[in-house]
N, C-alpha and C. Protein backbone atom coordinates (compact mmCIF):
# COMPACT_ATOMS: atom_id res chain seq x y z
N MET A 1 0.85 -1.18 0.00
CA MET A 1 0.00 0.00 0.00
C MET A 1 0.89 1.24 0.00
N ILE A 2 0.65 2.16 -0.89
CA ILE A 2 1.41 3.40 -0.98
C ILE A 2 0.86 4.39 0.05
N ARG A 3 1.75 4.95 0.86
CA ARG A 3 1.31 5.85 1.92
C ARG A 3 2.02 7.20 1.89
N SER A 4 2.66 7.56 0.81
CA SER A 4 3.44 8.79 0.77
C SER A 4 2.58 10.03 0.97
N LEU A 5 1.33 10.00 0.57
CA LEU A 5 0.45 11.16 0.72
C LEU A 5 -0.51 11.00 1.90
N ASN A 6 -0.32 9.97 2.68
CA ASN A 6 -1.29 9.59 3.69
C ASN A 6 -1.81 10.75 4.54
N ASN A 7 -0.93 11.48 5.21
CA ASN A 7 -1.38 12.55 6.11
C ASN A 7 -2.10 13.66 5.36
N GLU A 8 -1.56 14.04 4.21
CA GLU A 8 -2.17 15.12 3.45
C GLU A 8 -3.55 14.74 2.94
N VAL A 9 -3.65 13.56 2.36
CA VAL A 9 -4.94 13.15 1.79
C VAL A 9 -5.97 12.90 2.90
N LEU A 10 -5.54 12.36 4.02
CA LEU A 10 -6.48 12.15 5.12
C LEU A 10 -7.02 13.48 5.63
N SER A 11 -6.16 14.45 5.80
CA SER A 11 -6.60 15.77 6.26
C SER A 11 -7.56 16.41 5.26
N LEU A 12 -7.24 16.28 3.98
CA LEU A 12 -8.09 16.85 2.95
C LEU A 12 -9.48 16.21 2.95
N ILE A 13 -9.51 14.88 2.98
CA ILE A 13 -10.80 14.18 2.95
C ILE A 13 -11.61 14.48 4.21
N LYS A 14 -10.95 14.51 5.36
CA LYS A 14 -11.66 14.83 6.60
C LYS A 14 -12.29 16.21 6.52
N GLU A 15 -11.55 17.16 5.98
CA GLU A 15 -12.06 18.53 5.85
C GLU A 15 -13.23 18.58 4.87
N GLU A 16 -13.09 17.92 3.73
CA GLU A 16 -14.12 17.97 2.70
C GLU A 16 -15.38 17.21 3.10
N GLU A 17 -15.22 16.05 3.69
CA GLU A 17 -16.37 15.20 4.02
C GLU A 17 -17.03 15.61 5.33
N GLY A 18 -16.24 16.03 6.29
CA GLY A 18 -16.78 16.24 7.63
C GLY A 18 -17.03 14.89 8.28
N TYR A 19 -17.25 14.90 9.57
CA TYR A 19 -17.44 13.66 10.31
C TYR A 19 -18.87 13.58 10.83
N ARG A 20 -19.48 12.43 10.69
CA ARG A 20 -20.81 12.16 11.25
C ARG A 20 -20.76 10.83 11.99
N GLN A 21 -21.10 10.87 13.27
CA GLN A 21 -21.05 9.67 14.10
C GLN A 21 -22.15 8.68 13.73
N PHE A 22 -23.29 9.18 13.33
CA PHE A 22 -24.43 8.32 13.04
C PHE A 22 -24.78 8.36 11.56
N PRO A 23 -25.41 7.30 11.05
CA PRO A 23 -25.76 7.27 9.62
C PRO A 23 -26.66 8.45 9.23
N TYR A 24 -26.45 8.90 8.01
CA TYR A 24 -27.25 9.99 7.45
C TYR A 24 -27.36 9.77 5.95
N LEU A 25 -28.25 10.49 5.31
CA LEU A 25 -28.37 10.42 3.86
C LEU A 25 -27.55 11.54 3.25
N CYS A 26 -26.63 11.18 2.36
CA CYS A 26 -25.81 12.19 1.70
C CYS A 26 -26.65 12.92 0.65
N SER A 27 -26.03 13.85 -0.06
CA SER A 27 -26.75 14.66 -1.06
C SER A 27 -27.32 13.80 -2.19
N ARG A 28 -26.78 12.59 -2.37
CA ARG A 28 -27.30 11.68 -3.39
C ARG A 28 -28.28 10.67 -2.83
N GLY A 29 -28.65 10.84 -1.55
CA GLY A 29 -29.63 9.95 -0.92
C GLY A 29 -29.07 8.61 -0.48
N LYS A 30 -27.76 8.50 -0.34
CA LYS A 30 -27.10 7.25 0.06
C LYS A 30 -26.82 7.27 1.56
N THR A 31 -27.05 6.13 2.21
CA THR A 31 -26.75 6.01 3.63
C THR A 31 -25.23 6.10 3.80
N THR A 32 -24.81 7.04 4.64
CA THR A 32 -23.40 7.37 4.79
C THR A 32 -23.10 7.52 6.28
N ILE A 33 -21.84 7.30 6.65
CA ILE A 33 -21.43 7.45 8.05
C ILE A 33 -19.96 7.85 8.10
N GLY A 34 -19.53 8.35 9.23
CA GLY A 34 -18.11 8.68 9.42
C GLY A 34 -17.67 9.81 8.53
N TYR A 35 -16.58 9.61 7.82
CA TYR A 35 -16.05 10.58 6.87
C TYR A 35 -16.51 10.24 5.46
N GLY A 36 -17.80 10.20 5.24
CA GLY A 36 -18.34 9.96 3.91
C GLY A 36 -18.32 8.51 3.46
N PHE A 37 -18.37 7.57 4.38
CA PHE A 37 -18.40 6.15 4.01
C PHE A 37 -19.78 5.81 3.48
N ASN A 38 -19.87 5.51 2.19
CA ASN A 38 -21.13 5.19 1.52
C ASN A 38 -21.47 3.73 1.81
N LEU A 39 -22.44 3.52 2.68
CA LEU A 39 -22.81 2.16 3.06
C LEU A 39 -23.68 1.48 2.01
N ASP A 40 -24.46 2.25 1.28
CA ASP A 40 -25.35 1.65 0.28
C ASP A 40 -24.58 1.03 -0.89
N ASP A 41 -23.62 1.76 -1.44
CA ASP A 41 -22.91 1.29 -2.63
C ASP A 41 -21.63 0.53 -2.32
N VAL A 42 -20.95 0.92 -1.25
CA VAL A 42 -19.65 0.33 -0.95
C VAL A 42 -19.74 -0.66 0.20
N GLY A 43 -20.57 -0.36 1.18
CA GLY A 43 -20.70 -1.24 2.34
C GLY A 43 -19.46 -1.20 3.21
N LEU A 44 -19.21 -2.30 3.86
CA LEU A 44 -18.08 -2.42 4.79
C LEU A 44 -17.40 -3.75 4.48
N SER A 45 -16.14 -3.71 4.13
CA SER A 45 -15.43 -4.96 3.82
C SER A 45 -15.19 -5.75 5.10
N LYS A 46 -14.90 -7.02 4.94
CA LYS A 46 -14.61 -7.86 6.08
C LYS A 46 -13.38 -7.33 6.83
N GLU A 47 -12.40 -6.84 6.07
CA GLU A 47 -11.19 -6.27 6.67
C GLU A 47 -11.53 -5.02 7.49
N GLU A 48 -12.35 -4.13 6.93
CA GLU A 48 -12.76 -2.92 7.66
C GLU A 48 -13.54 -3.30 8.92
N ALA A 49 -14.46 -4.24 8.79
CA ALA A 49 -15.24 -4.69 9.94
C ALA A 49 -14.33 -5.29 11.01
N GLY A 50 -13.31 -6.04 10.57
CA GLY A 50 -12.36 -6.62 11.51
C GLY A 50 -11.57 -5.55 12.26
N LEU A 51 -11.17 -4.50 11.55
CA LEU A 51 -10.44 -3.41 12.20
C LEU A 51 -11.32 -2.68 13.21
N LEU A 52 -12.57 -2.45 12.85
CA LEU A 52 -13.51 -1.82 13.78
C LEU A 52 -13.73 -2.70 15.01
N LEU A 53 -13.87 -4.00 14.80
CA LEU A 53 -14.06 -4.93 15.89
C LEU A 53 -12.86 -4.89 16.83
N GLU A 54 -11.65 -4.96 16.29
CA GLU A 54 -10.45 -4.89 17.13
C GLU A 54 -10.40 -3.60 17.93
N PHE A 55 -10.71 -2.49 17.28
CA PHE A 55 -10.70 -1.19 17.95
C PHE A 55 -11.70 -1.17 19.11
N ARG A 56 -12.91 -1.64 18.84
CA ARG A 56 -13.94 -1.62 19.89
C ARG A 56 -13.60 -2.57 21.04
N VAL A 57 -13.08 -3.74 20.73
CA VAL A 57 -12.70 -4.68 21.78
C VAL A 57 -11.59 -4.09 22.65
N ASP A 58 -10.61 -3.44 22.02
CA ASP A 58 -9.56 -2.78 22.80
C ASP A 58 -10.14 -1.72 23.73
N LYS A 59 -11.09 -0.94 23.24
CA LYS A 59 -11.73 0.10 24.07
C LYS A 59 -12.50 -0.53 25.24
N ILE A 60 -13.22 -1.60 24.96
CA ILE A 60 -13.98 -2.28 26.02
C ILE A 60 -13.03 -2.83 27.08
N GLU A 61 -11.97 -3.48 26.64
CA GLU A 61 -11.01 -4.05 27.59
C GLU A 61 -10.40 -2.94 28.46
N GLU A 62 -10.05 -1.84 27.85
CA GLU A 62 -9.49 -0.71 28.59
C GLU A 62 -10.48 -0.17 29.61
N GLU A 63 -11.74 -0.04 29.21
CA GLU A 63 -12.76 0.47 30.13
C GLU A 63 -12.98 -0.48 31.30
N LEU A 64 -13.05 -1.78 31.01
CA LEU A 64 -13.22 -2.77 32.08
C LEU A 64 -12.02 -2.76 33.02
N PHE A 65 -10.84 -2.65 32.47
CA PHE A 65 -9.61 -2.63 33.25
C PHE A 65 -9.61 -1.47 34.24
N HIS A 66 -10.10 -0.32 33.81
CA HIS A 66 -10.09 0.87 34.68
C HIS A 66 -11.29 0.95 35.61
N LYS A 67 -12.41 0.40 35.21
CA LYS A 67 -13.64 0.53 35.99
C LYS A 67 -13.81 -0.59 37.04
N TYR A 68 -13.33 -1.79 36.69
CA TYR A 68 -13.55 -2.95 37.56
C TYR A 68 -12.20 -3.60 37.89
N PHE A 69 -11.75 -3.42 39.12
CA PHE A 69 -10.45 -3.96 39.51
C PHE A 69 -10.43 -5.49 39.51
N TRP A 70 -11.59 -6.12 39.71
CA TRP A 70 -11.65 -7.58 39.69
C TRP A 70 -11.37 -8.13 38.29
N PHE A 71 -11.50 -7.29 37.26
CA PHE A 71 -11.28 -7.73 35.88
C PHE A 71 -9.80 -8.05 35.62
N ARG A 72 -8.92 -7.28 36.23
CA ARG A 72 -7.49 -7.39 35.95
C ARG A 72 -6.92 -8.80 36.15
N PRO A 73 -7.19 -9.45 37.29
CA PRO A 73 -6.56 -10.76 37.50
C PRO A 73 -7.29 -11.94 36.82
N LEU A 74 -8.39 -11.69 36.16
CA LEU A 74 -9.10 -12.79 35.50
C LEU A 74 -8.20 -13.46 34.46
N ASP A 75 -8.39 -14.77 34.27
CA ASP A 75 -7.67 -15.45 33.20
C ASP A 75 -8.23 -14.96 31.85
N ASP A 76 -7.48 -15.22 30.80
CA ASP A 76 -7.85 -14.71 29.48
C ASP A 76 -9.21 -15.20 29.01
N ASN A 77 -9.57 -16.43 29.32
CA ASN A 77 -10.87 -16.95 28.88
C ASN A 77 -12.02 -16.20 29.54
N ARG A 78 -11.92 -15.97 30.83
CA ARG A 78 -12.98 -15.23 31.53
C ARG A 78 -13.03 -13.78 31.05
N LYS A 79 -11.86 -13.18 30.83
CA LYS A 79 -11.83 -11.81 30.29
C LYS A 79 -12.55 -11.77 28.95
N SER A 80 -12.28 -12.76 28.11
CA SER A 80 -12.92 -12.81 26.79
C SER A 80 -14.43 -12.91 26.91
N ALA A 81 -14.92 -13.73 27.82
CA ALA A 81 -16.37 -13.87 28.02
C ALA A 81 -16.99 -12.55 28.47
N ILE A 82 -16.33 -11.86 29.38
CA ILE A 82 -16.84 -10.57 29.87
C ILE A 82 -16.80 -9.52 28.76
N ILE A 83 -15.70 -9.47 28.00
CA ILE A 83 -15.60 -8.50 26.91
C ILE A 83 -16.69 -8.76 25.88
N SER A 84 -16.94 -10.02 25.55
CA SER A 84 -17.99 -10.36 24.60
C SER A 84 -19.36 -9.91 25.11
N MET A 85 -19.58 -10.08 26.40
CA MET A 85 -20.84 -9.65 27.02
C MET A 85 -21.01 -8.14 26.89
N VAL A 86 -19.94 -7.39 27.20
CA VAL A 86 -20.00 -5.94 27.11
C VAL A 86 -20.15 -5.50 25.66
N TYR A 87 -19.52 -6.21 24.74
CA TYR A 87 -19.65 -5.88 23.32
C TYR A 87 -21.11 -5.96 22.90
N GLN A 88 -21.82 -6.98 23.38
CA GLN A 88 -23.23 -7.13 23.00
C GLN A 88 -24.13 -6.16 23.75
N LEU A 89 -23.91 -5.99 25.05
CA LEU A 89 -24.84 -5.23 25.89
C LEU A 89 -24.45 -3.77 26.09
N GLY A 90 -23.19 -3.44 25.82
CA GLY A 90 -22.69 -2.11 26.15
C GLY A 90 -22.31 -2.08 27.62
N ILE A 91 -21.48 -1.14 28.00
CA ILE A 91 -21.02 -1.06 29.39
C ILE A 91 -22.17 -0.73 30.33
N ASN A 92 -23.14 0.06 29.87
CA ASN A 92 -24.28 0.39 30.73
C ASN A 92 -25.16 -0.83 30.98
N GLY A 93 -25.40 -1.61 29.94
CA GLY A 93 -26.18 -2.83 30.11
C GLY A 93 -25.46 -3.81 31.02
N PHE A 94 -24.16 -3.94 30.82
CA PHE A 94 -23.35 -4.83 31.66
C PHE A 94 -23.40 -4.41 33.12
N SER A 95 -23.32 -3.12 33.38
CA SER A 95 -23.26 -2.62 34.76
C SER A 95 -24.54 -2.90 35.54
N LYS A 96 -25.62 -3.26 34.86
CA LYS A 96 -26.88 -3.60 35.54
C LYS A 96 -26.84 -4.99 36.16
N PHE A 97 -25.85 -5.79 35.81
CA PHE A 97 -25.70 -7.13 36.36
C PHE A 97 -24.97 -7.05 37.69
N LYS A 98 -25.58 -6.36 38.64
CA LYS A 98 -24.93 -6.06 39.92
C LYS A 98 -24.55 -7.30 40.71
N LYS A 99 -25.47 -8.29 40.79
CA LYS A 99 -25.16 -9.52 41.53
C LYS A 99 -24.05 -10.31 40.86
N MET A 100 -24.03 -10.36 39.55
CA MET A 100 -22.98 -11.07 38.84
C MET A 100 -21.64 -10.37 39.06
N ILE A 101 -21.64 -9.05 38.98
CA ILE A 101 -20.42 -8.28 39.17
C ILE A 101 -19.88 -8.49 40.59
N LYS A 102 -20.78 -8.49 41.57
CA LYS A 102 -20.36 -8.72 42.96
C LYS A 102 -19.76 -10.11 43.10
N ALA A 103 -20.36 -11.09 42.45
CA ALA A 103 -19.83 -12.46 42.50
C ALA A 103 -18.44 -12.52 41.85
N LEU A 104 -18.25 -11.81 40.76
CA LEU A 104 -16.94 -11.77 40.12
C LEU A 104 -15.91 -11.11 41.02
N GLU A 105 -16.32 -10.06 41.70
CA GLU A 105 -15.44 -9.39 42.68
C GLU A 105 -14.96 -10.37 43.73
N ASN A 106 -15.88 -11.26 44.14
CA ASN A 106 -15.59 -12.23 45.20
C ASN A 106 -15.00 -13.53 44.66
N GLU A 107 -14.72 -13.56 43.37
CA GLU A 107 -14.19 -14.75 42.69
C GLU A 107 -15.09 -15.97 42.86
N ASP A 108 -16.39 -15.71 42.98
CA ASP A 108 -17.40 -16.77 43.06
C ASP A 108 -17.95 -16.99 41.65
N TYR A 109 -17.24 -17.77 40.87
CA TYR A 109 -17.55 -17.92 39.45
C TYR A 109 -18.80 -18.76 39.22
N ASP A 110 -19.11 -19.66 40.15
CA ASP A 110 -20.37 -20.41 40.03
C ASP A 110 -21.56 -19.47 40.14
N LEU A 111 -21.54 -18.60 41.14
CA LEU A 111 -22.64 -17.65 41.32
C LEU A 111 -22.69 -16.66 40.16
N ALA A 112 -21.55 -16.18 39.72
CA ALA A 112 -21.52 -15.25 38.59
C ALA A 112 -22.15 -15.89 37.36
N SER A 113 -21.83 -17.15 37.12
CA SER A 113 -22.40 -17.90 36.00
C SER A 113 -23.91 -18.04 36.14
N THR A 114 -24.36 -18.37 37.33
CA THR A 114 -25.79 -18.51 37.60
C THR A 114 -26.51 -17.19 37.36
N GLU A 115 -25.91 -16.09 37.78
CA GLU A 115 -26.52 -14.77 37.57
C GLU A 115 -26.62 -14.42 36.09
N MET A 116 -25.63 -14.83 35.32
CA MET A 116 -25.69 -14.60 33.87
C MET A 116 -26.90 -15.34 33.27
N LEU A 117 -27.07 -16.57 33.72
CA LEU A 117 -28.13 -17.41 33.17
C LEU A 117 -29.52 -16.98 33.62
N ASP A 118 -29.60 -16.31 34.76
CA ASP A 118 -30.88 -15.84 35.30
C ASP A 118 -31.11 -14.39 34.87
N SER A 119 -31.28 -14.18 33.57
CA SER A 119 -31.40 -12.80 33.08
C SER A 119 -32.22 -12.76 31.79
N LYS A 120 -32.71 -11.58 31.50
CA LYS A 120 -33.39 -11.33 30.23
C LYS A 120 -32.43 -11.58 29.08
N TRP A 121 -31.17 -11.22 29.27
CA TRP A 121 -30.14 -11.44 28.27
C TRP A 121 -30.06 -12.92 27.88
N ALA A 122 -30.11 -13.79 28.90
CA ALA A 122 -30.05 -15.24 28.63
C ALA A 122 -31.28 -15.72 27.88
N ARG A 123 -32.42 -15.14 28.16
CA ARG A 123 -33.64 -15.54 27.45
C ARG A 123 -33.62 -15.04 26.00
N GLN A 124 -32.95 -13.91 25.76
CA GLN A 124 -32.89 -13.35 24.41
C GLN A 124 -31.84 -14.02 23.53
N THR A 125 -30.70 -14.37 24.10
CA THR A 125 -29.61 -15.00 23.34
C THR A 125 -29.08 -16.20 24.13
N PRO A 126 -29.90 -17.25 24.26
CA PRO A 126 -29.55 -18.36 25.15
C PRO A 126 -28.24 -19.08 24.81
N ASN A 127 -27.97 -19.35 23.56
CA ASN A 127 -26.75 -20.09 23.22
C ASN A 127 -25.50 -19.29 23.56
N ARG A 128 -25.55 -18.03 23.26
CA ARG A 128 -24.40 -17.16 23.56
C ARG A 128 -24.16 -17.09 25.06
N VAL A 129 -25.22 -16.94 25.83
CA VAL A 129 -25.08 -16.81 27.28
C VAL A 129 -24.66 -18.14 27.90
N LEU A 130 -25.17 -19.25 27.38
CA LEU A 130 -24.74 -20.56 27.89
C LEU A 130 -23.23 -20.73 27.74
N ARG A 131 -22.71 -20.35 26.58
CA ARG A 131 -21.26 -20.45 26.35
C ARG A 131 -20.50 -19.54 27.31
N ALA A 132 -20.95 -18.31 27.44
CA ALA A 132 -20.27 -17.35 28.32
C ALA A 132 -20.32 -17.81 29.77
N ALA A 133 -21.47 -18.28 30.21
CA ALA A 133 -21.63 -18.73 31.59
C ALA A 133 -20.74 -19.92 31.88
N GLU A 134 -20.59 -20.82 30.93
CA GLU A 134 -19.73 -21.97 31.10
C GLU A 134 -18.26 -21.54 31.21
N ILE A 135 -17.88 -20.57 30.40
CA ILE A 135 -16.50 -20.06 30.46
C ILE A 135 -16.24 -19.40 31.82
N ILE A 136 -17.21 -18.61 32.28
CA ILE A 136 -17.06 -17.96 33.59
C ILE A 136 -16.96 -19.01 34.70
N ARG A 137 -17.81 -20.02 34.64
CA ARG A 137 -17.81 -21.07 35.69
C ARG A 137 -16.49 -21.84 35.71
N LYS A 138 -16.01 -22.27 34.54
CA LYS A 138 -14.85 -23.17 34.49
C LYS A 138 -13.53 -22.48 34.15
N GLY A 139 -13.59 -21.28 33.59
CA GLY A 139 -12.37 -20.60 33.17
C GLY A 139 -11.81 -21.14 31.86
N LYS A 140 -12.64 -21.92 31.15
CA LYS A 140 -12.22 -22.43 29.82
C LYS A 140 -13.41 -22.72 28.96
């Protein structure tokens, strides 16, 4: 990939397109987001989606690391289950699981798993929650 003009062209496009956090219709009636990303005609490549996913997961992990001290010593499998939960529910949705969070603080993984399963979230996405609860319970 040629990057000799990278900074200049990025600045120019940002200035010309402007930034929009949420989808909008451009002057041609196309669903657009960000710096003029045409979702109707171009969409989002698997590579672009992967980069966005990595970025968001990094942000979630950072937020959990700073907000919940019990998160830090968790093994990687349990961290992954919690990050996946936050990815789906958002940090605000996750923070409503007060009994589960308290159980995680106390390293009571059986109770934390039970609390995950006893939720509206589990009724809405049962297979996903069953996997996450099993990971929390066993650490694998």
